[in-house]
Amino acid sequence: MKKVLLSAVALLAFGFANAQEEGNGFGKGSTFVSGAFSIGSQSTGDNKSSGFEIEPKIGYFLTENIAIGGKLGYSTFKAENAFGDTADQAALTVGAFGRYYMTPASQFSIFGELGLDYSSIDNKLADVQESEIGVNLGLGLSYFVSSNWAIEASWAGLGYTTNDNGGNGAEKTNSFGLGADLRAIEFGVVYKF
């Protein structure tokens, strides 16, 4: 056990030293991509649900510390119960974000992110087309494991969303939240060009 632990520590130290030599981190003119992809289904007796989401994200460094970017996402969700009732929903999301990085040229960097999203949601059960706008302010960390690949953790701490619930006289739903739940941290992988 002791040999395995020492080998793991030596491997991490070698990787850290090698990464430092390669000049990891972001700089002016760097471009990066990341995003989200998920697919899943669940079945309990006659109750069934399934969903799919894809949301690529691209960013560009205007200066050493400031990056801007955008994302385009599509998601779908369908559920059916034993009585034949179904919920069917699809959403298209377009978003923009800005990030401010502290120590962007190093292997480890902290950033703050402000994002604005617009979603068009096709709610087939209610036969309405909903529009939703959201603003989020969050924090994140990037850690470069090589010159082009980084592991990223982000936390959207403060957010506001408004949904028109299909319009036509329907009352809007406004949501505001401060997410102090550290279990809501998202992890991802970033590729830098």
N, C-alpha and C. Protein backbone atom coordinates (compact mmCIF):
# COMPACT_ATOMS: atom_id res chain seq x y z
N MET A 1 0.83 -1.19 0.00
CA MET A 1 0.00 0.00 0.00
C MET A 1 0.88 1.25 0.00
N LYS A 2 1.96 1.18 0.77
CA LYS A 2 2.87 2.31 0.88
C LYS A 2 3.52 2.60 -0.47
N LYS A 3 3.88 1.54 -1.22
CA LYS A 3 4.50 1.71 -2.53
C LYS A 3 3.52 2.34 -3.52
N VAL A 4 2.26 1.92 -3.46
CA VAL A 4 1.24 2.48 -4.36
C VAL A 4 1.05 3.96 -4.08
N LEU A 5 0.98 4.33 -2.80
CA LEU A 5 0.82 5.72 -2.42
C LEU A 5 2.01 6.56 -2.87
N LEU A 6 3.22 6.06 -2.64
CA LEU A 6 4.42 6.79 -3.06
C LEU A 6 4.50 6.91 -4.58
N SER A 7 4.09 5.87 -5.29
CA SER A 7 4.08 5.92 -6.76
C SER A 7 3.10 6.96 -7.26
N ALA A 8 1.91 7.03 -6.64
CA ALA A 8 0.90 8.02 -7.04
C ALA A 8 1.40 9.43 -6.79
N VAL A 9 2.03 9.66 -5.64
CA VAL A 9 2.57 10.99 -5.33
C VAL A 9 3.67 11.36 -6.31
N ALA A 10 4.54 10.41 -6.65
CA ALA A 10 5.62 10.68 -7.61
C ALA A 10 5.06 10.99 -8.99
N LEU A 11 4.02 10.26 -9.41
CA LEU A 11 3.39 10.51 -10.70
C LEU A 11 2.75 11.90 -10.75
N LEU A 12 2.06 12.28 -9.70
CA LEU A 12 1.46 13.62 -9.64
C LEU A 12 2.53 14.71 -9.64
N ALA A 13 3.62 14.51 -8.89
CA ALA A 13 4.70 15.50 -8.86
C ALA A 13 5.35 15.63 -10.23
N PHE A 14 5.57 14.51 -10.93
CA PHE A 14 6.14 14.55 -12.27
C PHE A 14 5.19 15.28 -13.23
N GLY A 15 3.91 14.95 -13.14
CA GLY A 15 2.92 15.61 -14.01
C GLY A 15 2.86 17.10 -13.75
N PHE A 16 2.93 17.51 -12.48
CA PHE A 16 2.89 18.92 -12.13
C PHE A 16 4.13 19.64 -12.66
N ALA A 17 5.31 19.02 -12.48
CA ALA A 17 6.55 19.63 -12.95
C ALA A 17 6.57 19.71 -14.47
N ASN A 18 6.10 18.66 -15.14
CA ASN A 18 6.07 18.65 -16.59
C ASN A 18 5.09 19.69 -17.12
N ALA A 19 3.96 19.84 -16.46
CA ALA A 19 2.96 20.82 -16.89
C ALA A 19 3.50 22.23 -16.73
N GLN A 20 4.26 22.48 -15.68
CA GLN A 20 4.82 23.81 -15.47
C GLN A 20 5.79 24.18 -16.60
N GLU A 21 6.55 23.20 -17.09
CA GLU A 21 7.51 23.45 -18.15
C GLU A 21 6.82 23.77 -19.47
N GLU A 22 5.63 23.21 -19.71
CA GLU A 22 4.95 23.39 -20.98
C GLU A 22 4.24 24.73 -21.08
N GLY A 23 4.17 25.51 -20.03
CA GLY A 23 3.54 26.81 -20.08
C GLY A 23 2.02 26.73 -20.13
N ASN A 24 1.43 26.07 -19.16
CA ASN A 24 -0.02 25.92 -19.12
C ASN A 24 -0.70 27.21 -18.76
N GLY A 25 -1.99 27.24 -18.96
CA GLY A 25 -2.79 28.39 -18.61
C GLY A 25 -3.30 29.12 -19.84
N PHE A 26 -4.12 30.12 -19.57
CA PHE A 26 -4.71 30.92 -20.63
C PHE A 26 -3.89 32.19 -20.85
N GLY A 27 -4.01 32.78 -22.02
CA GLY A 27 -3.37 34.04 -22.35
C GLY A 27 -4.21 34.78 -23.38
N LYS A 28 -3.84 36.01 -23.65
CA LYS A 28 -4.57 36.81 -24.63
C LYS A 28 -4.59 36.07 -25.98
N GLY A 29 -5.78 35.96 -26.56
CA GLY A 29 -5.94 35.26 -27.83
C GLY A 29 -6.26 33.79 -27.70
N SER A 30 -6.23 33.24 -26.47
CA SER A 30 -6.57 31.82 -26.27
C SER A 30 -8.06 31.60 -26.55
N THR A 31 -8.37 30.46 -27.12
CA THR A 31 -9.75 30.05 -27.35
C THR A 31 -9.96 28.72 -26.62
N PHE A 32 -11.13 28.55 -26.00
CA PHE A 32 -11.39 27.30 -25.30
C PHE A 32 -12.81 26.82 -25.59
N VAL A 33 -13.01 25.51 -25.49
CA VAL A 33 -14.33 24.90 -25.67
C VAL A 33 -14.60 23.99 -24.48
N SER A 34 -15.86 23.92 -24.13
CA SER A 34 -16.34 23.01 -23.10
C SER A 34 -17.82 22.79 -23.38
N GLY A 35 -18.54 22.30 -22.43
CA GLY A 35 -19.97 22.13 -22.64
C GLY A 35 -20.55 21.02 -21.80
N ALA A 36 -21.78 20.67 -22.14
CA ALA A 36 -22.49 19.65 -21.40
C ALA A 36 -23.17 18.69 -22.37
N PHE A 37 -23.23 17.43 -21.97
CA PHE A 37 -23.95 16.41 -22.72
C PHE A 37 -24.50 15.42 -21.72
N SER A 38 -25.78 15.10 -21.81
CA SER A 38 -26.35 14.09 -20.93
C SER A 38 -27.50 13.39 -21.64
N ILE A 39 -27.68 12.15 -21.29
CA ILE A 39 -28.78 11.34 -21.81
C ILE A 39 -29.17 10.37 -20.70
N GLY A 40 -30.45 10.15 -20.52
CA GLY A 40 -30.86 9.25 -19.45
C GLY A 40 -32.30 8.86 -19.55
N SER A 41 -32.64 7.79 -18.84
CA SER A 41 -34.03 7.33 -18.77
C SER A 41 -34.25 6.66 -17.43
N GLN A 42 -35.52 6.61 -17.04
CA GLN A 42 -35.89 6.00 -15.76
C GLN A 42 -37.22 5.32 -15.94
N SER A 43 -37.39 4.16 -15.29
CA SER A 43 -38.63 3.42 -15.39
C SER A 43 -38.95 2.81 -14.03
N THR A 44 -40.17 3.06 -13.55
CA THR A 44 -40.66 2.46 -12.32
C THR A 44 -42.08 1.96 -12.61
N GLY A 45 -42.23 0.68 -12.78
CA GLY A 45 -43.53 0.14 -13.17
C GLY A 45 -43.93 0.69 -14.53
N ASP A 46 -45.12 1.31 -14.59
CA ASP A 46 -45.59 1.90 -15.85
C ASP A 46 -45.19 3.36 -16.00
N ASN A 47 -44.50 3.93 -15.02
CA ASN A 47 -44.03 5.31 -15.10
C ASN A 47 -42.65 5.34 -15.76
N LYS A 48 -42.57 6.10 -16.86
CA LYS A 48 -41.33 6.14 -17.62
C LYS A 48 -40.96 7.59 -17.92
N SER A 49 -39.66 7.88 -17.94
CA SER A 49 -39.21 9.20 -18.34
C SER A 49 -37.86 9.07 -19.03
N SER A 50 -37.59 10.02 -19.93
CA SER A 50 -36.30 10.04 -20.63
C SER A 50 -35.96 11.47 -20.98
N GLY A 51 -34.67 11.73 -21.12
CA GLY A 51 -34.24 13.09 -21.43
C GLY A 51 -32.89 13.09 -22.14
N PHE A 52 -32.63 14.20 -22.81
CA PHE A 52 -31.40 14.38 -23.57
C PHE A 52 -31.04 15.87 -23.53
N GLU A 53 -29.73 16.18 -23.38
CA GLU A 53 -29.28 17.57 -23.40
C GLU A 53 -27.89 17.65 -24.02
N ILE A 54 -27.69 18.67 -24.85
CA ILE A 54 -26.37 18.98 -25.40
C ILE A 54 -26.22 20.50 -25.37
N GLU A 55 -25.07 20.97 -24.89
CA GLU A 55 -24.85 22.41 -24.76
C GLU A 55 -23.37 22.76 -24.91
N PRO A 56 -22.87 22.87 -26.15
CA PRO A 56 -21.48 23.28 -26.34
C PRO A 56 -21.27 24.75 -25.98
N LYS A 57 -20.05 25.06 -25.53
CA LYS A 57 -19.70 26.41 -25.07
C LYS A 57 -18.32 26.76 -25.61
N ILE A 58 -18.14 27.98 -26.10
CA ILE A 58 -16.85 28.43 -26.62
C ILE A 58 -16.53 29.80 -26.04
N GLY A 59 -15.25 30.02 -25.73
CA GLY A 59 -14.82 31.30 -25.16
C GLY A 59 -13.53 31.79 -25.80
N TYR A 60 -13.30 33.09 -25.72
CA TYR A 60 -12.12 33.72 -26.32
C TYR A 60 -11.57 34.77 -25.36
N PHE A 61 -10.25 34.79 -25.16
CA PHE A 61 -9.62 35.75 -24.27
C PHE A 61 -9.32 37.05 -25.01
N LEU A 62 -10.01 38.13 -24.60
CA LEU A 62 -9.77 39.45 -25.17
C LEU A 62 -8.48 40.06 -24.63
N THR A 63 -8.24 39.84 -23.35
CA THR A 63 -7.03 40.32 -22.68
C THR A 63 -6.47 39.15 -21.88
N GLU A 64 -5.45 39.40 -21.09
CA GLU A 64 -4.87 38.35 -20.26
C GLU A 64 -5.86 37.83 -19.22
N ASN A 65 -6.80 38.67 -18.78
CA ASN A 65 -7.70 38.28 -17.71
C ASN A 65 -9.17 38.18 -18.11
N ILE A 66 -9.57 38.71 -19.25
CA ILE A 66 -10.99 38.78 -19.61
C ILE A 66 -11.30 37.89 -20.80
N ALA A 67 -12.29 37.00 -20.60
CA ALA A 67 -12.75 36.12 -21.67
C ALA A 67 -14.24 36.35 -21.89
N ILE A 68 -14.66 36.27 -23.14
CA ILE A 68 -16.09 36.33 -23.47
C ILE A 68 -16.42 35.08 -24.28
N GLY A 69 -17.70 34.73 -24.30
CA GLY A 69 -18.06 33.54 -25.05
C GLY A 69 -19.55 33.37 -25.18
N GLY A 70 -19.92 32.25 -25.78
CA GLY A 70 -21.31 31.95 -26.00
C GLY A 70 -21.57 30.46 -25.94
N LYS A 71 -22.85 30.13 -25.87
CA LYS A 71 -23.24 28.72 -25.85
C LYS A 71 -24.56 28.56 -26.59
N LEU A 72 -24.80 27.35 -27.06
CA LEU A 72 -26.03 27.01 -27.77
C LEU A 72 -26.43 25.63 -27.26
N GLY A 73 -27.64 25.52 -26.75
CA GLY A 73 -28.05 24.26 -26.15
C GLY A 73 -29.41 23.79 -26.62
N TYR A 74 -29.59 22.48 -26.59
CA TYR A 74 -30.88 21.87 -26.91
C TYR A 74 -31.13 20.77 -25.89
N SER A 75 -32.36 20.72 -25.38
CA SER A 75 -32.72 19.65 -24.44
C SER A 75 -34.15 19.19 -24.71
N THR A 76 -34.41 17.95 -24.37
CA THR A 76 -35.74 17.39 -24.51
C THR A 76 -36.02 16.48 -23.32
N PHE A 77 -37.28 16.44 -22.88
CA PHE A 77 -37.69 15.61 -21.75
C PHE A 77 -39.08 15.07 -22.03
N LYS A 78 -39.28 13.78 -21.77
CA LYS A 78 -40.58 13.16 -21.97
C LYS A 78 -40.86 12.22 -20.81
N ALA A 79 -42.07 12.28 -20.28
CA ALA A 79 -42.47 11.40 -19.18
C ALA A 79 -43.88 10.88 -19.44
N GLU A 80 -44.13 9.64 -19.02
CA GLU A 80 -45.44 9.01 -19.19
C GLU A 80 -45.75 8.20 -17.95
N ASN A 81 -47.00 8.31 -17.44
CA ASN A 81 -47.36 7.55 -16.26
C ASN A 81 -48.31 6.40 -16.64
N ALA A 82 -48.73 5.62 -15.63
CA ALA A 82 -49.56 4.44 -15.85
C ALA A 82 -50.94 4.78 -16.41
N PHE A 83 -51.40 6.01 -16.23
CA PHE A 83 -52.72 6.42 -16.71
C PHE A 83 -52.68 6.95 -18.15
N GLY A 84 -51.50 6.96 -18.75
CA GLY A 84 -51.36 7.45 -20.12
C GLY A 84 -51.11 8.95 -20.22
N ASP A 85 -50.98 9.63 -19.07
CA ASP A 85 -50.66 11.06 -19.08
C ASP A 85 -49.21 11.23 -19.49
N THR A 86 -48.96 12.20 -20.37
CA THR A 86 -47.58 12.44 -20.82
C THR A 86 -47.19 13.89 -20.61
N ALA A 87 -45.92 14.09 -20.36
CA ALA A 87 -45.31 15.42 -20.32
C ALA A 87 -44.22 15.40 -21.38
N ASP A 88 -44.26 16.34 -22.28
CA ASP A 88 -43.30 16.38 -23.38
C ASP A 88 -42.84 17.82 -23.54
N GLN A 89 -41.53 18.02 -23.44
CA GLN A 89 -40.99 19.38 -23.47
C GLN A 89 -39.64 19.40 -24.19
N ALA A 90 -39.42 20.42 -25.01
CA ALA A 90 -38.14 20.62 -25.69
C ALA A 90 -37.74 22.08 -25.50
N ALA A 91 -36.44 22.34 -25.38
CA ALA A 91 -35.97 23.70 -25.16
C ALA A 91 -34.72 23.97 -26.00
N LEU A 92 -34.66 25.18 -26.53
CA LEU A 92 -33.49 25.67 -27.24
C LEU A 92 -32.97 26.87 -26.46
N THR A 93 -31.69 26.85 -26.11
CA THR A 93 -31.09 27.90 -25.29
C THR A 93 -29.92 28.55 -26.02
N VAL A 94 -29.87 29.88 -25.96
CA VAL A 94 -28.76 30.66 -26.49
C VAL A 94 -28.25 31.51 -25.34
N GLY A 95 -26.93 31.54 -25.15
CA GLY A 95 -26.39 32.28 -24.02
C GLY A 95 -25.08 32.95 -24.33
N ALA A 96 -24.76 33.95 -23.54
CA ALA A 96 -23.49 34.67 -23.62
C ALA A 96 -22.92 34.78 -22.21
N PHE A 97 -21.60 34.81 -22.11
CA PHE A 97 -20.98 34.93 -20.79
C PHE A 97 -19.70 35.74 -20.88
N GLY A 98 -19.31 36.27 -19.75
CA GLY A 98 -18.04 36.97 -19.59
C GLY A 98 -17.36 36.44 -18.34
N ARG A 99 -16.05 36.28 -18.43
CA ARG A 99 -15.29 35.76 -17.29
C ARG A 99 -14.12 36.68 -16.99
N TYR A 100 -13.83 36.81 -15.70
CA TYR A 100 -12.61 37.50 -15.27
C TYR A 100 -11.76 36.49 -14.51
N TYR A 101 -10.55 36.25 -15.02
CA TYR A 101 -9.63 35.28 -14.44
C TYR A 101 -8.57 35.95 -13.59
N MET A 102 -8.28 35.35 -12.42
CA MET A 102 -7.15 35.73 -11.62
C MET A 102 -6.05 34.72 -11.96
N THR A 103 -4.84 35.16 -12.18
CA THR A 103 -3.69 34.33 -12.57
C THR A 103 -4.00 33.42 -13.75
N PRO A 104 -4.43 33.97 -14.91
CA PRO A 104 -4.82 33.12 -16.03
C PRO A 104 -3.67 32.36 -16.69
N ALA A 105 -2.45 32.84 -16.56
CA ALA A 105 -1.32 32.20 -17.22
C ALA A 105 -0.74 31.04 -16.41
N SER A 106 -1.25 30.81 -15.21
CA SER A 106 -0.72 29.73 -14.39
C SER A 106 -1.54 28.46 -14.58
N GLN A 107 -1.05 27.38 -14.01
CA GLN A 107 -1.72 26.09 -14.13
C GLN A 107 -3.06 26.08 -13.37
N PHE A 108 -3.16 26.84 -12.30
CA PHE A 108 -4.36 26.89 -11.46
C PHE A 108 -4.90 28.31 -11.48
N SER A 109 -6.18 28.48 -11.81
CA SER A 109 -6.74 29.82 -11.91
C SER A 109 -8.16 29.85 -11.36
N ILE A 110 -8.52 30.97 -10.75
CA ILE A 110 -9.87 31.22 -10.23
C ILE A 110 -10.53 32.25 -11.14
N PHE A 111 -11.84 32.08 -11.41
CA PHE A 111 -12.54 33.05 -12.24
C PHE A 111 -13.94 33.33 -11.72
N GLY A 112 -14.43 34.51 -12.06
CA GLY A 112 -15.82 34.88 -11.82
C GLY A 112 -16.51 34.93 -13.17
N GLU A 113 -17.76 34.49 -13.24
CA GLU A 113 -18.48 34.45 -14.51
C GLU A 113 -19.85 35.08 -14.37
N LEU A 114 -20.19 35.95 -15.34
CA LEU A 114 -21.52 36.53 -15.46
C LEU A 114 -22.12 36.02 -16.76
N GLY A 115 -23.30 35.41 -16.68
CA GLY A 115 -23.91 34.82 -17.87
C GLY A 115 -25.34 35.28 -18.07
N LEU A 116 -25.75 35.35 -19.33
CA LEU A 116 -27.11 35.71 -19.72
C LEU A 116 -27.61 34.66 -20.69
N ASP A 117 -28.77 34.04 -20.40
CA ASP A 117 -29.33 32.98 -21.24
C ASP A 117 -30.75 33.33 -21.66
N TYR A 118 -31.08 32.92 -22.88
CA TYR A 118 -32.47 33.00 -23.36
C TYR A 118 -32.87 31.61 -23.81
N SER A 119 -34.03 31.14 -23.34
CA SER A 119 -34.53 29.81 -23.71
C SER A 119 -35.92 29.91 -24.28
N SER A 120 -36.15 29.17 -25.36
CA SER A 120 -37.48 29.01 -25.94
C SER A 120 -37.90 27.58 -25.64
N ILE A 121 -38.98 27.43 -24.88
CA ILE A 121 -39.40 26.12 -24.39
C ILE A 121 -40.73 25.75 -25.02
N ASP A 122 -40.77 24.60 -25.69
CA ASP A 122 -41.98 24.09 -26.31
C ASP A 122 -42.60 23.08 -25.35
N ASN A 123 -43.63 23.51 -24.60
CA ASN A 123 -44.31 22.67 -23.64
C ASN A 123 -45.51 22.05 -24.33
N LYS A 124 -45.38 20.81 -24.81
CA LYS A 124 -46.43 20.17 -25.61
C LYS A 124 -47.63 19.76 -24.76
N LEU A 125 -47.43 19.47 -23.48
CA LEU A 125 -48.54 19.08 -22.61
C LEU A 125 -49.52 20.24 -22.46
N ALA A 126 -49.01 21.44 -22.20
CA ALA A 126 -49.86 22.63 -22.04
C ALA A 126 -50.11 23.31 -23.38
N ASP A 127 -49.49 22.83 -24.45
CA ASP A 127 -49.60 23.40 -25.79
C ASP A 127 -49.29 24.90 -25.79
N VAL A 128 -48.15 25.24 -25.16
CA VAL A 128 -47.69 26.63 -25.12
C VAL A 128 -46.21 26.71 -25.47
N GLN A 129 -45.82 27.88 -25.95
CA GLN A 129 -44.43 28.18 -26.24
C GLN A 129 -43.98 29.20 -25.18
N GLU A 130 -43.08 28.78 -24.29
CA GLU A 130 -42.62 29.64 -23.21
C GLU A 130 -41.30 30.30 -23.57
N SER A 131 -41.08 31.49 -23.02
CA SER A 131 -39.80 32.19 -23.16
C SER A 131 -39.24 32.42 -21.77
N GLU A 132 -37.95 32.16 -21.62
CA GLU A 132 -37.31 32.30 -20.32
C GLU A 132 -35.99 33.04 -20.48
N ILE A 133 -35.74 33.99 -19.59
CA ILE A 133 -34.49 34.74 -19.58
C ILE A 133 -33.86 34.56 -18.20
N GLY A 134 -32.56 34.27 -18.18
CA GLY A 134 -31.87 34.06 -16.91
C GLY A 134 -30.55 34.79 -16.86
N VAL A 135 -30.20 35.29 -15.68
CA VAL A 135 -28.92 35.94 -15.43
C VAL A 135 -28.29 35.22 -14.24
N ASN A 136 -27.01 34.84 -14.38
CA ASN A 136 -26.32 34.12 -13.31
C ASN A 136 -24.95 34.71 -13.06
N LEU A 137 -24.55 34.72 -11.81
CA LEU A 137 -23.22 35.15 -11.40
C LEU A 137 -22.62 34.02 -10.59
N GLY A 138 -21.43 33.55 -10.99
CA GLY A 138 -20.85 32.42 -10.30
C GLY A 138 -19.34 32.49 -10.22
N LEU A 139 -18.78 31.46 -9.61
CA LEU A 139 -17.34 31.33 -9.43
C LEU A 139 -16.87 30.03 -10.05
N GLY A 140 -15.59 29.97 -10.39
CA GLY A 140 -15.05 28.74 -10.94
C GLY A 140 -13.56 28.61 -10.74
N LEU A 141 -13.05 27.41 -10.95
CA LEU A 141 -11.63 27.09 -10.85
C LEU A 141 -11.23 26.30 -12.09
N SER A 142 -10.07 26.61 -12.63
CA SER A 142 -9.50 25.82 -13.73
C SER A 142 -8.15 25.28 -13.29
N TYR A 143 -7.91 24.02 -13.61
CA TYR A 143 -6.62 23.40 -13.30
C TYR A 143 -6.14 22.68 -14.56
N PHE A 144 -5.02 23.12 -15.12
CA PHE A 144 -4.48 22.52 -16.33
C PHE A 144 -3.71 21.25 -15.99
N VAL A 145 -4.10 20.15 -16.62
CA VAL A 145 -3.39 18.88 -16.45
C VAL A 145 -2.38 18.67 -17.58
N SER A 146 -2.49 19.44 -18.66
CA SER A 146 -1.51 19.47 -19.75
C SER A 146 -1.59 20.86 -20.38
N SER A 147 -0.87 21.08 -21.45
CA SER A 147 -0.87 22.41 -22.06
C SER A 147 -2.20 22.77 -22.71
N ASN A 148 -3.02 21.77 -23.07
CA ASN A 148 -4.29 22.05 -23.73
C ASN A 148 -5.52 21.62 -22.94
N TRP A 149 -5.39 20.76 -21.98
CA TRP A 149 -6.55 20.23 -21.25
C TRP A 149 -6.58 20.74 -19.82
N ALA A 150 -7.78 21.15 -19.39
CA ALA A 150 -7.98 21.61 -18.02
C ALA A 150 -9.22 20.97 -17.43
N ILE A 151 -9.19 20.79 -16.14
CA ILE A 151 -10.38 20.37 -15.39
C ILE A 151 -10.97 21.63 -14.78
N GLU A 152 -12.28 21.74 -14.87
CA GLU A 152 -12.93 22.97 -14.39
C GLU A 152 -14.05 22.62 -13.42
N ALA A 153 -14.16 23.41 -12.37
CA ALA A 153 -15.26 23.30 -11.42
C ALA A 153 -15.93 24.67 -11.36
N SER A 154 -17.26 24.69 -11.43
CA SER A 154 -17.96 25.98 -11.39
C SER A 154 -19.18 25.89 -10.47
N TRP A 155 -19.54 27.04 -9.94
CA TRP A 155 -20.66 27.14 -9.01
C TRP A 155 -21.42 28.41 -9.33
N ALA A 156 -22.67 28.27 -9.80
CA ALA A 156 -23.51 29.42 -10.12
C ALA A 156 -24.19 29.85 -8.83
N GLY A 157 -23.62 30.82 -8.15
CA GLY A 157 -24.07 31.21 -6.82
C GLY A 157 -25.29 32.09 -6.77
N LEU A 158 -25.42 33.03 -7.70
CA LEU A 158 -26.49 34.02 -7.65
C LEU A 158 -27.21 34.01 -8.99
N GLY A 159 -28.55 33.90 -8.97
CA GLY A 159 -29.27 33.82 -10.24
C GLY A 159 -30.66 34.42 -10.19
N TYR A 160 -31.10 34.90 -11.36
CA TYR A 160 -32.45 35.43 -11.53
C TYR A 160 -33.00 34.90 -12.85
N THR A 161 -34.24 34.41 -12.83
CA THR A 161 -34.88 33.88 -14.02
C THR A 161 -36.31 34.39 -14.09
N THR A 162 -36.75 34.72 -15.30
CA THR A 162 -38.14 35.08 -15.53
C THR A 162 -38.67 34.25 -16.69
N ASN A 163 -39.88 33.69 -16.51
CA ASN A 163 -40.52 32.84 -17.50
C ASN A 163 -41.91 33.39 -17.76
N ASP A 164 -42.26 33.58 -19.03
CA ASP A 164 -43.57 34.15 -19.36
C ASP A 164 -44.70 33.13 -19.35
N ASN A 165 -44.40 31.85 -19.09
CA ASN A 165 -45.39 30.77 -19.01
C ASN A 165 -46.31 30.70 -20.22
N GLY A 166 -45.82 31.08 -21.36
CA GLY A 166 -46.60 30.98 -22.59
C GLY A 166 -47.36 32.23 -22.97
N GLY A 167 -47.29 33.27 -22.15
CA GLY A 167 -47.98 34.53 -22.48
C GLY A 167 -49.48 34.35 -22.46
N ASN A 168 -50.18 35.06 -23.35
CA ASN A 168 -51.65 35.00 -23.46
C ASN A 168 -52.35 35.18 -22.12
N GLY A 169 -51.90 36.14 -21.35
CA GLY A 169 -52.54 36.45 -20.08
C GLY A 169 -52.02 35.64 -18.91
N ALA A 170 -51.16 34.67 -19.13
CA ALA A 170 -50.60 33.88 -18.03
C ALA A 170 -49.65 34.75 -17.22
N GLU A 171 -49.66 34.55 -15.92
CA GLU A 171 -48.76 35.31 -15.07
C GLU A 171 -47.34 34.80 -15.21
N LYS A 172 -46.37 35.72 -15.17
CA LYS A 172 -44.96 35.37 -15.26
C LYS A 172 -44.49 34.73 -13.96
N THR A 173 -43.49 33.89 -14.10
CA THR A 173 -42.83 33.32 -12.94
C THR A 173 -41.45 33.93 -12.84
N ASN A 174 -41.16 34.60 -11.74
CA ASN A 174 -39.85 35.21 -11.49
C ASN A 174 -39.18 34.45 -10.35
N SER A 175 -37.94 34.08 -10.56
CA SER A 175 -37.20 33.32 -9.54
C SER A 175 -35.88 34.02 -9.26
N PHE A 176 -35.54 34.11 -7.98
CA PHE A 176 -34.27 34.67 -7.56
C PHE A 176 -33.67 33.72 -6.54
N GLY A 177 -32.38 33.46 -6.65
CA GLY A 177 -31.78 32.55 -5.69
C GLY A 177 -30.32 32.81 -5.46
N LEU A 178 -29.90 32.56 -4.23
CA LEU A 178 -28.50 32.57 -3.85
C LEU A 178 -28.18 31.14 -3.47
N GLY A 179 -27.41 30.48 -4.32
CA GLY A 179 -27.11 29.07 -4.11
C GLY A 179 -25.95 28.87 -3.17
N ALA A 180 -26.25 28.64 -1.91
CA ALA A 180 -25.20 28.39 -0.93
C ALA A 180 -24.94 26.90 -0.78
N ASP A 181 -25.54 26.09 -1.67
CA ASP A 181 -25.41 24.64 -1.62
C ASP A 181 -24.17 24.22 -2.40
N LEU A 182 -23.11 23.87 -1.70
CA LEU A 182 -21.87 23.50 -2.36
C LEU A 182 -21.95 22.12 -3.02
N ARG A 183 -23.08 21.42 -2.84
CA ARG A 183 -23.27 20.16 -3.57
C ARG A 183 -23.65 20.42 -5.03
N ALA A 184 -23.93 21.68 -5.37
CA ALA A 184 -24.34 22.05 -6.72
C ALA A 184 -23.15 22.45 -7.60
N ILE A 185 -21.95 22.06 -7.22
CA ILE A 185 -20.77 22.37 -8.02
C ILE A 185 -20.75 21.48 -9.25
N GLU A 186 -20.51 22.08 -10.41
CA GLU A 186 -20.44 21.34 -11.66
C GLU A 186 -18.98 21.15 -12.06
N PHE A 187 -18.64 19.96 -12.52
CA PHE A 187 -17.29 19.66 -12.97
C PHE A 187 -17.30 19.42 -14.47
N GLY A 188 -16.24 19.82 -15.11
CA GLY A 188 -16.15 19.64 -16.56
C GLY A 188 -14.71 19.62 -17.03
N VAL A 189 -14.58 19.45 -18.34
CA VAL A 189 -13.28 19.42 -18.99
C VAL A 189 -13.26 20.54 -20.01
N VAL A 190 -12.13 21.23 -20.12
CA VAL A 190 -11.96 22.35 -21.05
C VAL A 190 -10.80 22.03 -21.98
N TYR A 191 -10.98 22.32 -23.26
CA TYR A 191 -9.88 22.18 -24.22
C TYR A 191 -9.49 23.56 -24.72
N LYS A 192 -8.20 23.89 -24.62
CA LYS A 192 -7.68 25.20 -25.06
C LYS A 192 -6.95 25.02 -26.39
N PHE A 193 -7.27 25.91 -27.35
CA PHE A 193 -6.58 25.90 -28.65
C PHE A 193 -5.33 26.73 -28.57
